Amino acid sequence: MPDTAAATAQLAAAAAAQEGLGDTLRIVLLASIVGGALLAWLLLRGYRSDDGDDNDGDTGRDANA
């Protein structure tokens, strides 16, 4: 039976020596989280109910009445 601790240490050392997409994936992950938060804020902002705070002159009544 092979020594799994030594094999794991060898694989970890080999993986650490390789330069990969780690930084790029971190940036993509961070940008997607920030983008998702901004999208949620933008969408939820449209569903906010302002009772009497808007100043566009609309009183909720029909203009023809």
Protein backbone atom coordinates (compact mmCIF):
# COMPACT_ATOMS: atom_id res chain seq x y z
CA MET A 1 0.00 0.00 0.00
CA PRO A 2 1.53 3.34 -1.04
CA ASP A 3 2.13 6.09 1.47
CA THR A 4 -0.76 8.51 0.88
CA ALA A 5 0.74 11.29 2.99
CA ALA A 6 3.90 11.37 0.86
CA ALA A 7 1.88 11.22 -2.35
CA THR A 8 -0.35 14.05 -1.15
CA ALA A 9 2.69 16.13 -0.22
CA GLN A 10 4.19 15.53 -3.67
CA LEU A 11 0.97 16.54 -5.42
CA ALA A 12 0.63 19.65 -3.26
CA ALA A 13 4.22 20.69 -3.99
CA ALA A 14 3.69 20.16 -7.72
CA ALA A 15 0.47 22.16 -7.66
CA ALA A 16 2.13 25.00 -5.75
CA ALA A 17 4.94 25.21 -8.28
CA GLN A 18 2.56 25.65 -11.22
CA GLU A 19 1.27 29.04 -12.14
CA GLY A 20 -2.38 28.83 -13.02
CA LEU A 21 -5.58 30.79 -13.23
CA GLY A 22 -5.87 31.39 -9.48
CA ASP A 23 -5.69 35.18 -9.62
CA THR A 24 -7.96 35.36 -12.64
CA LEU A 25 -10.57 33.16 -11.01
CA ARG A 26 -10.46 35.26 -7.84
CA ILE A 27 -11.04 38.42 -9.87
CA VAL A 28 -13.92 36.82 -11.80
CA LEU A 29 -15.50 35.56 -8.58
CA LEU A 30 -15.17 38.94 -6.87
CA ALA A 31 -16.55 40.79 -9.90
CA SER A 32 -19.53 38.43 -10.13
CA ILE A 33 -20.33 38.85 -6.43
CA VAL A 34 -20.12 42.65 -6.68
CA GLY A 35 -22.15 42.62 -9.91
CA GLY A 36 -24.80 40.42 -8.33
CA ALA A 37 -25.06 42.73 -5.35
CA LEU A 38 -25.41 45.78 -7.59
CA LEU A 39 -28.02 44.03 -9.73
CA ALA A 40 -30.01 43.04 -6.64
CA TRP A 41 -29.82 46.61 -5.34
CA LEU A 42 -30.97 47.99 -8.67
CA LEU A 43 -33.88 45.58 -8.99
CA LEU A 44 -35.02 45.94 -5.40
CA ARG A 45 -34.80 49.72 -5.67
CA GLY A 46 -37.53 49.63 -8.31
CA TYR A 47 -39.89 47.71 -6.04
CA ARG A 48 -39.50 50.07 -3.10
CA SER A 49 -42.77 51.68 -2.07
CA ASP A 50 -42.54 55.39 -1.38
CA ASP A 51 -45.72 56.66 0.21
CA GLY A 52 -46.01 60.32 -0.75
CA ASP A 53 -42.30 60.92 -1.21
CA ASP A 54 -42.33 61.31 -4.98
CA ASN A 55 -42.67 64.85 -6.28
CA ASP A 56 -43.95 64.21 -9.81
CA GLY A 57 -47.41 65.60 -9.06
CA ASP A 58 -49.19 62.27 -9.51
CA THR A 59 -51.80 61.91 -6.77
CA GLY A 60 -52.98 58.49 -7.89
CA ARG A 61 -56.26 59.86 -9.32
CA ASP A 62 -57.35 59.60 -12.92
CA ALA A 63 -56.56 62.76 -14.90
CA ASN A 64 -60.00 62.72 -16.58
CA ALA A 65 -61.98 62.60 -13.36
